């Protein structure tokens, strides 16, 4: 019986101080949509079903405690709600290996979902009952934004299309970060906070709001933000520009779960006050992220596809939580 939804519906992070595993992991992935320009054999119902299914199986193989999906599950942008529902239902079916094992599947919308007919209502319909997202988001974003606790980790999914394009519900986020302090805070959204060289529609379209968001993560002890949108792997390191550079933050864009590949570009956008450094860029490679928690240390590893069903580490970094 798929009973994991009970913990999602009744989530109380104060109650997650259960006996903690000494070492455990979760997976982050995103952008598994079909190609809108060329029909590929693996594309069905708006999804690259081959790679999406492989990543679902990889979550089980990694013995991950949950999956975070950064949006663009499907091609979306549909003219009818029924067509969008079919796409999301197909994606949900590909995640059955996780649902059947009570592994939480935690997703947020991408622009391709947000642009579909009757988007929010169809999303809530498909991801309901045993497939429901945590029921703790702001009233205007129920089922769309959420938070989830596991041990020393606070995972947050952010909808960037209800408050405004490339915007997040900052008041709600501030409340969550204040109320539920954790050693590790991992936020994800579909669109990057800083333009990573391909898409121009990122959170730096609103630099003042982006900076408030970014500083809120820093102050909460977060050191990593996950995004998709660009179909490549880009590991960006961000520090303040000035004598007080503050802590090193990492933006990890990994829109590598089956969508057609993009080329990386020069860092651009409105990043005044910040220094951006590209630590690693990988193109033309499908893959996913594994985040391993071991005491106060978190290790983030990108695993890229070498052959069908075989994924190997291609980038990795670790940090020690500043929160004791």
Protein backbone atom coordinates (compact mmCIF):
# COMPACT_ATOMS: atom_id res chain seq x y z
CA UNK A 1 0.00 0.00 0.00
CA UNK A 2 1.30 3.40 -0.96
CA UNK A 3 1.27 4.90 2.51
CA UNK A 4 4.10 7.41 2.13
CA UNK A 5 1.55 10.12 1.27
CA UNK A 6 0.39 10.08 4.89
CA UNK A 7 3.72 11.49 6.00
CA UNK A 8 3.49 14.12 3.29
CA UNK A 9 0.00 15.23 4.20
CA UNK A 10 0.75 15.35 7.92
CA UNK A 11 4.28 16.67 7.60
CA UNK A 12 5.76 18.07 10.76
CA UNK A 13 9.45 18.68 10.45
CA UNK A 14 9.78 18.72 14.21
CA UNK A 15 8.79 15.08 14.09
CA UNK A 16 11.54 14.15 11.65
CA UNK A 17 14.14 13.89 14.38
CA UNK A 18 13.79 10.13 14.07
CA UNK A 19 16.81 7.89 14.41
CA UNK A 20 18.94 9.27 11.61
CA UNK A 21 20.74 7.08 9.14
CA UNK A 22 24.49 7.61 9.47
CA UNK A 23 24.76 7.95 5.70
CA UNK A 24 21.97 8.26 3.16
CA UNK A 25 21.15 9.95 -0.13
CA UNK A 26 18.47 11.44 -2.33
CA UNK A 27 18.33 12.10 -6.08
CA UNK A 28 17.70 15.31 -8.03
CA UNK A 29 16.74 15.27 -11.73
CA UNK A 30 14.74 17.28 -14.23
CA UNK A 31 13.82 18.10 -17.82
CA UNK A 32 12.68 14.82 -19.26
CA UNK A 33 10.35 16.30 -21.86
CA UNK A 34 10.05 15.21 -25.47
CA UNK A 35 11.66 17.08 -28.34
CA UNK A 36 9.18 19.59 -29.80
CA UNK A 37 11.02 19.84 -33.11
CA UNK A 38 12.04 16.28 -33.96
CA UNK A 39 10.14 13.11 -33.18
CA UNK A 40 12.43 10.68 -31.37
CA UNK A 41 11.66 6.99 -30.98
CA UNK A 42 11.73 7.30 -27.19
CA UNK A 43 9.29 10.23 -27.09
CA UNK A 44 5.75 9.33 -26.08
CA UNK A 45 3.01 11.50 -24.60
CA UNK A 46 5.39 14.45 -24.47
CA UNK A 47 8.09 12.58 -22.51
CA UNK A 48 11.43 10.97 -23.25
CA UNK A 49 10.17 7.74 -21.76
CA UNK A 50 13.48 5.88 -22.16
CA UNK A 51 15.65 8.24 -20.09
CA UNK A 52 12.93 9.16 -17.60
CA UNK A 53 12.32 5.48 -16.90
CA UNK A 54 16.06 4.84 -16.52
CA UNK A 55 16.38 7.62 -13.98
CA UNK A 56 13.39 6.32 -12.05
CA UNK A 57 15.11 2.94 -11.83
CA UNK A 58 18.38 4.64 -10.86
CA UNK A 59 16.68 6.21 -7.85
CA UNK A 60 15.85 2.73 -6.61
CA UNK A 61 19.34 1.45 -7.40
CA UNK A 62 20.92 4.34 -5.47
CA UNK A 63 18.70 3.43 -2.49
CA UNK A 64 17.65 7.07 -2.39
CA UNK A 65 15.22 8.21 0.28
CA UNK A 66 13.35 10.54 -2.10
CA UNK A 67 13.45 12.13 -5.55
CA UNK A 68 13.35 15.86 -6.34
CA UNK A 69 12.35 16.70 -9.95
CA UNK A 70 13.06 20.25 -11.09
CA UNK A 71 10.27 20.58 -13.65
CA UNK A 72 9.58 20.00 -17.35
CA UNK A 73 8.32 16.52 -16.73
CA UNK A 74 6.63 16.65 -20.13
CA UNK A 75 6.31 18.74 -23.29
CA UNK A 76 3.26 20.57 -21.95
CA UNK A 77 2.09 23.76 -23.66
CA UNK A 78 -1.07 21.86 -24.52
CA UNK A 79 -4.27 23.28 -25.99
CA UNK A 80 -6.53 21.02 -23.93
CA UNK A 81 -6.44 19.92 -20.28
CA UNK A 82 -7.04 16.33 -21.37
CA UNK A 83 -3.85 16.24 -23.40
CA UNK A 84 -1.86 17.66 -20.47
CA UNK A 85 -3.41 15.13 -18.10
CA UNK A 86 -2.36 12.28 -20.39
CA UNK A 87 1.24 13.54 -20.35
CA UNK A 88 1.43 13.86 -16.57
CA UNK A 89 -0.25 10.50 -16.06
CA UNK A 90 2.31 8.83 -18.34
CA UNK A 91 5.14 10.45 -16.36
CA UNK A 92 3.57 9.30 -13.12
CA UNK A 93 3.44 5.78 -14.48
CA UNK A 94 7.15 5.86 -15.28
CA UNK A 95 7.77 6.64 -11.60
CA UNK A 96 5.84 3.56 -10.46
CA UNK A 97 9.03 1.79 -9.26
CA UNK A 98 9.32 4.58 -6.68
CA UNK A 99 5.66 4.86 -5.72
CA UNK A 100 5.42 1.10 -5.23
CA UNK A 101 8.33 1.28 -2.77
CA UNK A 102 6.96 4.30 -0.89
CA UNK A 103 9.81 6.52 -2.09
CA UNK A 104 8.49 10.11 -2.15
CA UNK A 105 8.44 11.71 -5.60
CA UNK A 106 8.63 15.49 -5.15
CA UNK A 107 8.25 17.61 -8.27
CA UNK A 108 7.69 21.23 -9.20
CA UNK A 109 6.37 22.70 -12.43
CA UNK A 110 8.56 23.86 -15.27
CA UNK A 111 7.59 26.39 -17.90
CA UNK A 112 6.30 23.56 -20.10
CA UNK A 113 3.82 22.52 -17.39
CA UNK A 114 2.93 26.08 -16.42
CA UNK A 115 2.13 26.85 -20.05
CA UNK A 116 -0.30 23.95 -20.46
CA UNK A 117 -4.08 24.31 -20.52
CA UNK A 118 -5.59 24.57 -17.02
CA UNK A 119 -2.13 23.82 -15.69
CA UNK A 120 -2.53 24.08 -11.91
CA UNK A 121 -5.82 22.18 -11.75
CA UNK A 122 -4.60 19.34 -13.94
CA UNK A 123 -1.38 19.13 -11.91
CA UNK A 124 -3.40 18.84 -8.70
CA UNK A 125 -5.68 16.21 -10.25
CA UNK A 126 -2.86 13.94 -11.43
CA UNK A 127 -0.74 14.39 -8.32
CA UNK A 128 -3.48 13.62 -5.82
CA UNK A 129 -4.23 10.81 -3.39
CA UNK A 130 -1.17 8.54 -3.06
CA UNK A 131 0.73 10.72 -5.57
CA UNK A 132 0.21 14.01 -3.77
CA UNK A 133 2.93 16.57 -3.10
CA UNK A 134 3.34 17.77 0.51
CA UNK A 135 0.34 19.84 1.52
CA UNK A 136 2.16 22.72 3.18
CA UNK A 137 2.68 25.38 0.50
CA UNK A 138 1.17 28.87 0.45
CA UNK A 139 -2.56 29.04 -0.22
CA UNK A 140 -2.00 30.39 -3.72
CA UNK A 141 0.44 27.57 -4.54
CA UNK A 142 -1.00 24.50 -2.84
CA UNK A 143 0.52 21.37 -4.40
CA UNK A 144 2.87 23.59 -6.44
CA UNK A 145 5.31 24.80 -3.77
CA UNK A 146 6.09 22.61 -0.78
CA UNK A 147 8.68 21.55 1.78
CA UNK A 148 9.70 18.13 3.01
CA UNK A 149 11.86 17.03 5.93
CA UNK A 150 14.08 13.99 6.30
CA UNK A 151 16.55 13.84 9.17
CA UNK A 152 18.85 16.87 8.99
CA UNK A 153 17.60 17.85 5.51
CA UNK A 154 14.97 20.41 4.56
CA UNK A 155 13.99 20.03 0.90
CA UNK A 156 11.97 22.82 -0.70
CA UNK A 157 10.28 22.90 -4.09
CA UNK A 158 9.48 26.34 -5.50
CA UNK A 159 6.88 27.19 -8.12
CA UNK A 160 8.15 30.12 -10.20
CA UNK A 161 5.00 30.81 -12.21
CA UNK A 162 2.20 31.74 -9.78
CA UNK A 163 3.62 34.79 -8.00
CA UNK A 164 5.09 35.86 -11.33
CA UNK A 165 7.36 34.56 -14.09
CA UNK A 166 10.76 33.69 -12.56
CA UNK A 167 9.42 34.71 -9.12
CA UNK A 168 9.00 32.80 -5.86
CA UNK A 169 6.70 33.30 -2.87
CA UNK A 170 9.39 34.90 -0.72
CA UNK A 171 7.29 35.54 2.41
CA UNK A 172 6.29 31.90 2.56
CA UNK A 173 9.87 30.74 1.99
CA UNK A 174 11.17 33.04 4.72
CA UNK A 175 8.64 31.56 7.14
CA UNK A 176 9.64 27.99 6.31
CA UNK A 177 13.36 28.73 6.70
CA UNK A 178 12.75 30.42 10.06
CA UNK A 179 10.38 27.82 11.44
CA UNK A 180 12.28 24.72 10.39
CA UNK A 181 16.03 25.29 10.71
CA UNK A 182 18.07 22.34 9.48
CA UNK A 183 21.74 21.52 8.95
CA UNK A 184 21.06 21.14 5.25
CA UNK A 185 18.65 23.21 3.17
CA UNK A 186 18.19 22.24 -0.48
CA UNK A 187 15.88 24.43 -2.58
CA UNK A 188 14.96 23.68 -6.14
CA UNK A 189 13.12 25.57 -8.84
CA UNK A 190 12.87 25.06 -12.55
CA UNK A 191 14.56 28.28 -13.63
CA UNK A 192 18.11 29.13 -12.47
CA UNK A 193 18.71 32.00 -10.09
CA UNK A 194 21.63 33.20 -12.22
CA UNK A 195 21.72 32.95 -15.99
CA UNK A 196 24.01 30.07 -16.84
CA UNK A 197 24.54 30.91 -20.47
CA UNK A 198 21.60 29.50 -22.42
CA UNK A 199 18.06 30.54 -21.38
CA UNK A 200 17.58 34.22 -20.70
CA UNK A 201 14.33 33.76 -18.73
CA UNK A 202 15.85 33.12 -15.30
CA UNK A 203 15.44 34.67 -11.87
CA UNK A 204 17.92 37.42 -12.75
CA UNK A 205 15.13 38.97 -14.80
CA UNK A 206 14.23 40.39 -11.36
CA UNK A 207 17.68 40.91 -9.78
CA UNK A 208 16.48 42.64 -6.61
CA UNK A 209 13.99 39.86 -5.82
CA UNK A 210 16.59 37.25 -6.82
CA UNK A 211 19.14 38.74 -4.45
CA UNK A 212 16.66 38.71 -1.56
CA UNK A 213 15.97 35.05 -2.33
CA UNK A 214 19.68 34.19 -2.61
CA UNK A 215 20.61 35.92 0.62
CA UNK A 216 17.76 34.14 2.42
CA UNK A 217 19.29 30.80 1.40
CA UNK A 218 22.76 31.88 2.50
CA UNK A 219 21.47 33.06 5.89
CA UNK A 220 19.65 29.75 6.40
CA UNK A 221 22.88 27.81 5.90
CA UNK A 222 22.02 26.56 2.42
CA UNK A 223 24.94 26.16 0.06
CA UNK A 224 23.31 24.58 -3.01
CA UNK A 225 20.41 25.54 -5.29
CA UNK A 226 19.13 23.07 -7.89
CA UNK A 227 17.52 24.06 -11.20
CA UNK A 228 16.86 22.80 -14.69
CA UNK A 229 15.49 24.68 -17.73
CA UNK A 230 18.79 24.43 -19.63
CA UNK A 231 19.34 20.94 -21.00
CA UNK A 232 22.94 20.54 -19.91
CA UNK A 233 24.97 20.24 -16.73
CA UNK A 234 26.38 23.47 -15.32
CA UNK A 235 28.05 23.77 -11.92
CA UNK A 236 28.32 27.46 -11.03
CA UNK A 237 29.99 28.86 -7.92
CA UNK A 238 28.73 32.24 -6.70
CA UNK A 239 30.32 34.59 -4.17
CA UNK A 240 29.72 38.21 -3.29
CA UNK A 241 31.77 40.75 -5.20
CA UNK A 242 33.75 42.75 -2.67
CA UNK A 243 36.00 42.40 0.35
CA UNK A 244 33.37 40.40 2.24
CA UNK A 245 32.76 37.59 -0.22
CA UNK A 246 30.70 35.54 2.20
CA UNK A 247 30.27 31.79 1.84
CA UNK A 248 30.64 29.93 -1.43
CA UNK A 249 27.26 29.04 -2.99
CA UNK A 250 26.67 26.47 -5.72
CA UNK A 251 24.02 26.64 -8.42
CA UNK A 252 23.61 23.26 -10.10
CA UNK A 253 21.69 23.24 -13.37
CA UNK A 254 21.01 19.67 -14.45
CA UNK A 255 18.27 19.64 -17.05
CA UNK A 256 19.60 16.31 -18.25
CA UNK A 257 16.80 13.79 -17.88
CA UNK A 258 15.89 13.29 -21.53
CA UNK A 259 15.08 16.68 -23.05
CA UNK A 260 16.91 17.68 -26.26
CA UNK A 261 20.43 18.91 -25.52
CA UNK A 262 21.43 22.58 -25.36
CA UNK A 263 24.86 24.16 -25.70
CA UNK A 264 26.39 26.03 -22.78
CA UNK A 265 27.25 29.71 -23.18
CA UNK A 266 28.97 32.62 -21.55
CA UNK A 267 27.63 33.63 -18.14
CA UNK A 268 25.54 36.74 -18.61
CA UNK A 269 22.48 38.33 -17.07
CA UNK A 270 22.07 40.81 -14.24
CA UNK A 271 24.58 39.63 -11.67
CA UNK A 272 25.92 42.90 -10.30
CA UNK A 273 27.33 42.35 -6.82
CA UNK A 274 28.19 38.70 -7.48
CA UNK A 275 31.14 36.85 -8.94
CA UNK A 276 30.19 33.80 -11.01
CA UNK A 277 32.64 30.99 -11.69
CA UNK A 278 31.97 27.98 -13.88
CA UNK A 279 33.31 24.96 -12.02
CA UNK A 280 32.16 22.31 -14.50
CA UNK A 281 30.12 22.15 -17.70
CA UNK A 282 28.99 18.95 -19.42
CA UNK A 283 27.03 18.88 -22.68
CA UNK A 284 25.23 16.16 -24.65
CA UNK A 285 24.94 13.88 -21.64
CA UNK A 286 21.87 12.58 -19.84
CA UNK A 287 22.16 12.20 -16.09
CA UNK A 288 21.04 12.92 -12.56
CA UNK A 289 22.39 14.16 -9.22
CA UNK A 290 22.97 12.15 -6.07
CA UNK A 291 23.16 14.08 -2.80
CA UNK A 292 24.76 12.05 0.00
CA UNK A 293 24.37 13.12 3.62
CA UNK A 294 27.00 11.84 6.03
CA UNK A 295 26.90 13.60 9.39
CA UNK A 296 27.63 17.28 8.78
CA UNK A 297 28.99 16.66 5.27
CA UNK A 298 26.96 16.75 2.06
CA UNK A 299 28.39 15.44 -1.21
CA UNK A 300 26.75 16.30 -4.53
CA UNK A 301 27.61 14.07 -7.49
CA UNK A 302 26.49 14.31 -11.10
CA UNK A 303 26.19 10.91 -12.73
CA UNK A 304 26.16 10.91 -16.52
CA UNK A 305 24.93 8.22 -18.87
CA UNK A 306 27.70 6.10 -20.40
CA UNK A 307 25.49 3.41 -21.93
CA UNK A 308 21.86 2.23 -21.54
CA UNK A 309 21.10 2.12 -17.82
CA UNK A 310 24.73 2.83 -16.85
CA UNK A 311 25.53 6.16 -15.18
CA UNK A 312 28.95 7.17 -13.84
CA UNK A 313 30.22 10.06 -11.71
CA UNK A 314 31.39 13.03 -13.81
CA UNK A 315 31.48 15.84 -11.25
CA UNK A 316 31.43 15.90 -7.46
CA UNK A 317 31.93 18.32 -4.61
CA UNK A 318 31.39 18.31 -0.84
CA UNK A 319 30.81 20.86 1.88
CA UNK A 320 30.36 20.87 5.61
CA UNK A 321 27.15 22.34 6.99
CA UNK A 322 27.68 25.67 8.76
CA UNK A 323 24.74 24.79 11.04
CA UNK A 324 25.54 22.69 14.08
